[in-house]
């Protein structure tokens, strides 16, 4: 919705050496985009439905 293409965001993450971690569902319509962003610089995708996330501070 912001007017950026996924490839542009991935390129900017890589160029600026940003590691993106995300807390999101590991399924659904946005999953494919989120996983590409997370994997672009070896980030981690945490499943929002995982009860162990409640332990994060």
PDB file of N, CA and C in Angstrom:
ATOM      1  N   UNK A   1       0.807  -1.198   0.000  1.00  0.00           N
ATOM      2  CA  UNK A   1       0.000   0.000   0.000  1.00  0.00           C
ATOM      3  C   UNK A   1       0.855   1.269   0.000  1.00  0.00           C
ATOM      4  N   UNK A   2       2.118   1.134   0.377  1.00  0.00           N
ATOM      5  CA  UNK A   2       2.976   2.310   0.482  1.00  0.00           C
ATOM      6  C   UNK A   2       3.553   2.733  -0.859  1.00  0.00           C
ATOM      7  N   UNK A   3       3.347   1.964  -1.900  1.00  0.00           N
ATOM      8  CA  UNK A   3       3.855   2.323  -3.206  1.00  0.00           C
ATOM      9  C   UNK A   3       5.226   1.750  -3.524  1.00  0.00           C
ATOM     10  N   UNK A   4       5.706   0.827  -2.704  1.00  0.00           N
ATOM     11  CA  UNK A   4       6.992   0.183  -2.944  1.00  0.00           C
ATOM     12  C   UNK A   4       6.748  -1.236  -3.418  1.00  0.00           C
ATOM     13  N   UNK A   5       7.627  -1.708  -4.281  1.00  0.00           N
ATOM     14  CA  UNK A   5       7.576  -3.098  -4.691  1.00  0.00           C
ATOM     15  C   UNK A   5       8.418  -3.921  -3.721  1.00  0.00           C
ATOM     16  N   UNK A   6       8.034  -5.155  -3.522  1.00  0.00           N
ATOM     17  CA  UNK A   6       8.741  -6.044  -2.598  1.00  0.00           C
ATOM     18  C   UNK A   6      10.232  -6.124  -2.936  1.00  0.00           C
ATOM     19  N   UNK A   7      10.532  -6.188  -4.222  1.00  0.00           N
ATOM     20  CA  UNK A   7      11.927  -6.289  -4.647  1.00  0.00           C
ATOM     21  C   UNK A   7      12.722  -5.044  -4.238  1.00  0.00           C
ATOM     22  N   UNK A   8      12.095  -3.878  -4.266  1.00  0.00           N
ATOM     23  CA  UNK A   8      12.761  -2.642  -3.850  1.00  0.00           C
ATOM     24  C   UNK A   8      13.075  -2.665  -2.357  1.00  0.00           C
ATOM     25  N   UNK A   9      12.144  -3.139  -1.590  1.00  0.00           N
ATOM     26  CA  UNK A   9      12.352  -3.208  -0.140  1.00  0.00           C
ATOM     27  C   UNK A   9      13.452  -4.191   0.190  1.00  0.00           C
ATOM     28  N   UNK A  10      13.446  -5.357  -0.457  1.00  0.00           N
ATOM     29  CA  UNK A  10      14.488  -6.360  -0.231  1.00  0.00           C
ATOM     30  C   UNK A  10      15.848  -5.772  -0.607  1.00  0.00           C
ATOM     31  N   UNK A  11      15.932  -5.087  -1.731  1.00  0.00           N
ATOM     32  CA  UNK A  11      17.199  -4.489  -2.163  1.00  0.00           C
ATOM     33  C   UNK A  11      17.688  -3.458  -1.147  1.00  0.00           C
ATOM     34  N   UNK A  12      16.782  -2.661  -0.608  1.00  0.00           N
ATOM     35  CA  UNK A  12      17.164  -1.661   0.387  1.00  0.00           C
ATOM     36  C   UNK A  12      17.596  -2.304   1.695  1.00  0.00           C
ATOM     37  N   UNK A  13      16.924  -3.359   2.106  1.00  0.00           N
ATOM     38  CA  UNK A  13      17.338  -4.084   3.318  1.00  0.00           C
ATOM     39  C   UNK A  13      18.752  -4.620   3.149  1.00  0.00           C
ATOM     40  N   UNK A  14      19.021  -5.208   1.995  1.00  0.00           N
ATOM     41  CA  UNK A  14      20.336  -5.782   1.746  1.00  0.00           C
ATOM     42  C   UNK A  14      21.399  -4.695   1.618  1.00  0.00           C
ATOM     43  N   UNK A  15      21.101  -3.624   0.912  1.00  0.00           N
ATOM     44  CA  UNK A  15      22.073  -2.549   0.706  1.00  0.00           C
ATOM     45  C   UNK A  15      22.459  -1.880   2.019  1.00  0.00           C
ATOM     46  N   UNK A  16      21.502  -1.799   2.932  1.00  0.00           N
ATOM     47  CA  UNK A  16      21.749  -1.150   4.222  1.00  0.00           C
ATOM     48  C   UNK A  16      22.076  -2.146   5.328  1.00  0.00           C
ATOM     49  N   UNK A  17      22.246  -3.410   4.952  1.00  0.00           N
ATOM     50  CA  UNK A  17      22.592  -4.485   5.875  1.00  0.00           C
ATOM     51  C   UNK A  17      21.639  -4.547   7.076  1.00  0.00           C
ATOM     52  N   UNK A  18      20.349  -4.474   6.783  1.00  0.00           N
ATOM     53  CA  UNK A  18      19.322  -4.541   7.813  1.00  0.00           C
ATOM     54  C   UNK A  18      18.842  -5.981   7.930  1.00  0.00           C
ATOM     55  N   UNK A  19      18.849  -6.498   9.131  1.00  0.00           N
ATOM     56  CA  UNK A  19      18.283  -7.814   9.394  1.00  0.00           C
ATOM     57  C   UNK A  19      16.889  -7.610   9.958  1.00  0.00           C
ATOM     58  N   UNK A  20      15.899  -8.139   9.267  1.00  0.00           N
ATOM     59  CA  UNK A  20      14.511  -7.965   9.664  1.00  0.00           C
ATOM     60  C   UNK A  20      14.004  -9.225  10.341  1.00  0.00           C
ATOM     61  N   UNK A  21      13.570  -9.097  11.575  1.00  0.00           N
ATOM     62  CA  UNK A  21      12.859 -10.162  12.271  1.00  0.00           C
ATOM     63  C   UNK A  21      11.397  -9.760  12.306  1.00  0.00           C
ATOM     64  N   UNK A  22      10.510 -10.738  12.245  1.00  0.00           N
ATOM     65  CA  UNK A  22       9.080 -10.433  12.239  1.00  0.00           C
ATOM     66  C   UNK A  22       8.323 -11.417  13.117  1.00  0.00           C
ATOM     67  N   UNK A  23       7.255 -10.926  13.691  1.00  0.00           N
ATOM     68  CA  UNK A  23       6.304 -11.771  14.418  1.00  0.00           C
ATOM     69  C   UNK A  23       5.019 -11.711  13.611  1.00  0.00           C
ATOM     70  N   UNK A  24       4.670 -12.832  13.002  1.00  0.00           N
ATOM     71  CA  UNK A  24       3.524 -12.871  12.096  1.00  0.00           C
ATOM     72  C   UNK A  24       3.033 -14.310  11.984  1.00  0.00           C
ATOM     73  N   UNK A  25       1.826 -14.491  11.455  1.00  0.00           N
ATOM     74  CA  UNK A  25       1.358 -15.858  11.203  1.00  0.00           C
ATOM     75  C   UNK A  25       2.253 -16.523  10.163  1.00  0.00           C
ATOM     76  N   UNK A  26       2.479 -17.804  10.301  1.00  0.00           N
ATOM     77  CA  UNK A  26       3.302 -18.526   9.335  1.00  0.00           C
ATOM     78  C   UNK A  26       2.449 -19.156   8.248  1.00  0.00           C
ATOM     79  N   UNK A  27       1.349 -18.511   7.949  1.00  0.00           N
ATOM     80  CA  UNK A  27       0.498 -18.916   6.839  1.00  0.00           C
ATOM     81  C   UNK A  27      -0.378 -17.719   6.485  1.00  0.00           C
ATOM     82  N   UNK A  28      -1.102 -17.857   5.412  1.00  0.00           N
ATOM     83  CA  UNK A  28      -2.003 -16.785   5.021  1.00  0.00           C
ATOM     84  C   UNK A  28      -1.475 -15.970   3.863  1.00  0.00           C
ATOM     85  N   UNK A  29      -2.230 -14.974   3.471  1.00  0.00           N
ATOM     86  CA  UNK A  29      -1.935 -14.223   2.251  1.00  0.00           C
ATOM     87  C   UNK A  29      -0.659 -13.396   2.330  1.00  0.00           C
ATOM     88  N   UNK A  30      -0.300 -12.885   3.479  1.00  0.00           N
ATOM     89  CA  UNK A  30       0.890 -12.032   3.596  1.00  0.00           C
ATOM     90  C   UNK A  30       2.158 -12.833   3.861  1.00  0.00           C
ATOM     91  N   UNK A  31       2.020 -14.115   4.160  1.00  0.00           N
ATOM     92  CA  UNK A  31       3.176 -14.937   4.534  1.00  0.00           C
ATOM     93  C   UNK A  31       4.285 -14.908   3.490  1.00  0.00           C
ATOM     94  N   UNK A  32       3.940 -15.055   2.221  1.00  0.00           N
ATOM     95  CA  UNK A  32       4.957 -15.121   1.174  1.00  0.00           C
ATOM     96  C   UNK A  32       5.779 -13.836   1.114  1.00  0.00           C
ATOM     97  N   UNK A  33       5.156 -12.709   1.305  1.00  0.00           N
ATOM     98  CA  UNK A  33       5.880 -11.441   1.296  1.00  0.00           C
ATOM     99  C   UNK A  33       6.728 -11.288   2.551  1.00  0.00           C
ATOM    100  N   UNK A  34       6.167 -11.618   3.683  1.00  0.00           N
ATOM    101  CA  UNK A  34       6.899 -11.473   4.942  1.00  0.00           C
ATOM    102  C   UNK A  34       8.125 -12.369   4.960  1.00  0.00           C
ATOM    103  N   UNK A  35       7.988 -13.605   4.512  1.00  0.00           N
ATOM    104  CA  UNK A  35       9.122 -14.526   4.549  1.00  0.00           C
ATOM    105  C   UNK A  35      10.231 -14.059   3.613  1.00  0.00           C
ATOM    106  N   UNK A  36       9.893 -13.467   2.472  1.00  0.00           N
ATOM    107  CA  UNK A  36      10.921 -12.932   1.577  1.00  0.00           C
ATOM    108  C   UNK A  36      11.678 -11.791   2.240  1.00  0.00           C
ATOM    109  N   UNK A  37      10.975 -10.930   2.947  1.00  0.00           N
ATOM    110  CA  UNK A  37      11.628  -9.826   3.650  1.00  0.00           C
ATOM    111  C   UNK A  37      12.539 -10.343   4.754  1.00  0.00           C
ATOM    112  N   UNK A  38      12.034 -11.295   5.515  1.00  0.00           N
ATOM    113  CA  UNK A  38      12.805 -11.850   6.631  1.00  0.00           C
ATOM    114  C   UNK A  38      14.046 -12.578   6.122  1.00  0.00           C
ATOM    115  N   UNK A  39      13.900 -13.352   5.071  1.00  0.00           N
ATOM    116  CA  UNK A  39      15.019 -14.145   4.559  1.00  0.00           C
ATOM    117  C   UNK A  39      16.020 -13.323   3.767  1.00  0.00           C
ATOM    118  N   UNK A  40      15.681 -12.089   3.416  1.00  0.00           N
ATOM    119  CA  UNK A  40      16.570 -11.282   2.579  1.00  0.00           C
ATOM    120  C   UNK A  40      17.917 -11.037   3.240  1.00  0.00           C
ATOM    121  N   UNK A  41      17.973 -10.980   4.546  1.00  0.00           N
ATOM    122  CA  UNK A  41      19.235 -10.805   5.263  1.00  0.00           C
ATOM    123  C   UNK A  41      19.294 -11.707   6.486  1.00  0.00           C
ATOM    124  N   UNK A  42      18.763 -12.908   6.345  1.00  0.00           N
ATOM    125  CA  UNK A  42      18.880 -13.957   7.354  1.00  0.00           C
ATOM    126  C   UNK A  42      18.206 -13.599   8.678  1.00  0.00           C
ATOM    127  N   UNK A  43      17.050 -12.963   8.596  1.00  0.00           N
ATOM    128  CA  UNK A  43      16.275 -12.666   9.793  1.00  0.00           C
ATOM    129  C   UNK A  43      15.514 -13.892  10.258  1.00  0.00           C
ATOM    130  N   UNK A  44      14.659 -13.688  11.228  1.00  0.00           N
ATOM    131  CA  UNK A  44      13.879 -14.779  11.805  1.00  0.00           C
ATOM    132  C   UNK A  44      12.404 -14.414  11.772  1.00  0.00           C
ATOM    133  N   UNK A  45      11.578 -15.381  11.380  1.00  0.00           N
ATOM    134  CA  UNK A  45      10.129 -15.209  11.431  1.00  0.00           C
ATOM    135  C   UNK A  45       9.614 -16.013  12.607  1.00  0.00           C
ATOM    136  N   UNK A  46       9.030 -15.317  13.566  1.00  0.00           N
ATOM    137  CA  UNK A  46       8.427 -15.952  14.730  1.00  0.00           C
ATOM    138  C   UNK A  46       6.936 -16.086  14.480  1.00  0.00           C
ATOM    139  N   UNK A  47       6.399 -17.265  14.737  1.00  0.00           N
ATOM    140  CA  UNK A  47       4.969 -17.509  14.536  1.00  0.00           C
ATOM    141  C   UNK A  47       4.180 -16.834  15.651  1.00  0.00           C
ATOM    142  N   UNK A  48       3.284 -15.948  15.282  1.00  0.00           N
ATOM    143  CA  UNK A  48       2.495 -15.209  16.262  1.00  0.00           C
ATOM    144  C   UNK A  48       1.590 -16.140  17.069  1.00  0.00           C
ATOM    145  N   UNK A  49       1.316 -17.317  16.534  1.00  0.00           N
ATOM    146  CA  UNK A  49       0.456 -18.270  17.227  1.00  0.00           C
ATOM    147  C   UNK A  49       1.221 -19.179  18.177  1.00  0.00           C
ATOM    148  N   UNK A  50       2.548 -19.005  18.248  1.00  0.00           N
ATOM    149  CA  UNK A  50       3.393 -19.830  19.111  1.00  0.00           C
ATOM    150  C   UNK A  50       3.324 -19.288  20.539  1.00  0.00           C
ATOM    151  N   UNK A  51       2.910 -20.098  21.449  1.00  0.00           N
ATOM    152  CA  UNK A  51       2.727 -19.676  22.849  1.00  0.00           C
ATOM    153  C   UNK A  51       4.032 -19.236  23.492  1.00  0.00           C
ATOM    154  N   UNK A  52       5.181 -19.705  23.028  1.00  0.00           N
ATOM    155  CA  UNK A  52       6.446 -19.330  23.642  1.00  0.00           C
ATOM    156  C   UNK A  52       6.778 -17.869  23.396  1.00  0.00           C
ATOM    157  N   UNK A  53       6.123 -17.216  22.444  1.00  0.00           N
ATOM    158  CA  UNK A  53       6.337 -15.790  22.207  1.00  0.00           C
ATOM    159  C   UNK A  53       5.908 -14.966  23.407  1.00  0.00           C
ATOM    160  N   UNK A  54       5.025 -15.502  24.194  1.00  0.00           N
ATOM    161  CA  UNK A  54       4.571 -14.791  25.380  1.00  0.00           C
ATOM    162  C   UNK A  54       5.710 -14.572  26.372  1.00  0.00           C
ATOM    163  N   UNK A  55       6.788 -15.333  26.217  1.00  0.00           N
ATOM    164  CA  UNK A  55       7.920 -15.231  27.119  1.00  0.00           C
ATOM    165  C   UNK A  55       8.897 -14.156  26.690  1.00  0.00           C
ATOM    166  N   UNK A  56       8.737 -13.592  25.467  1.00  0.00           N
ATOM    167  CA  UNK A  56       9.631 -12.531  25.006  1.00  0.00           C
ATOM    168  C   UNK A  56       9.407 -11.274  25.828  1.00  0.00           C
ATOM    169  N   UNK A  57      10.475 -10.552  26.117  1.00  0.00           N
ATOM    170  CA  UNK A  57      10.359  -9.326  26.894  1.00  0.00           C
ATOM    171  C   UNK A  57      10.536  -8.139  26.000  1.00  0.00           C
TER     172      UNK A  57
END
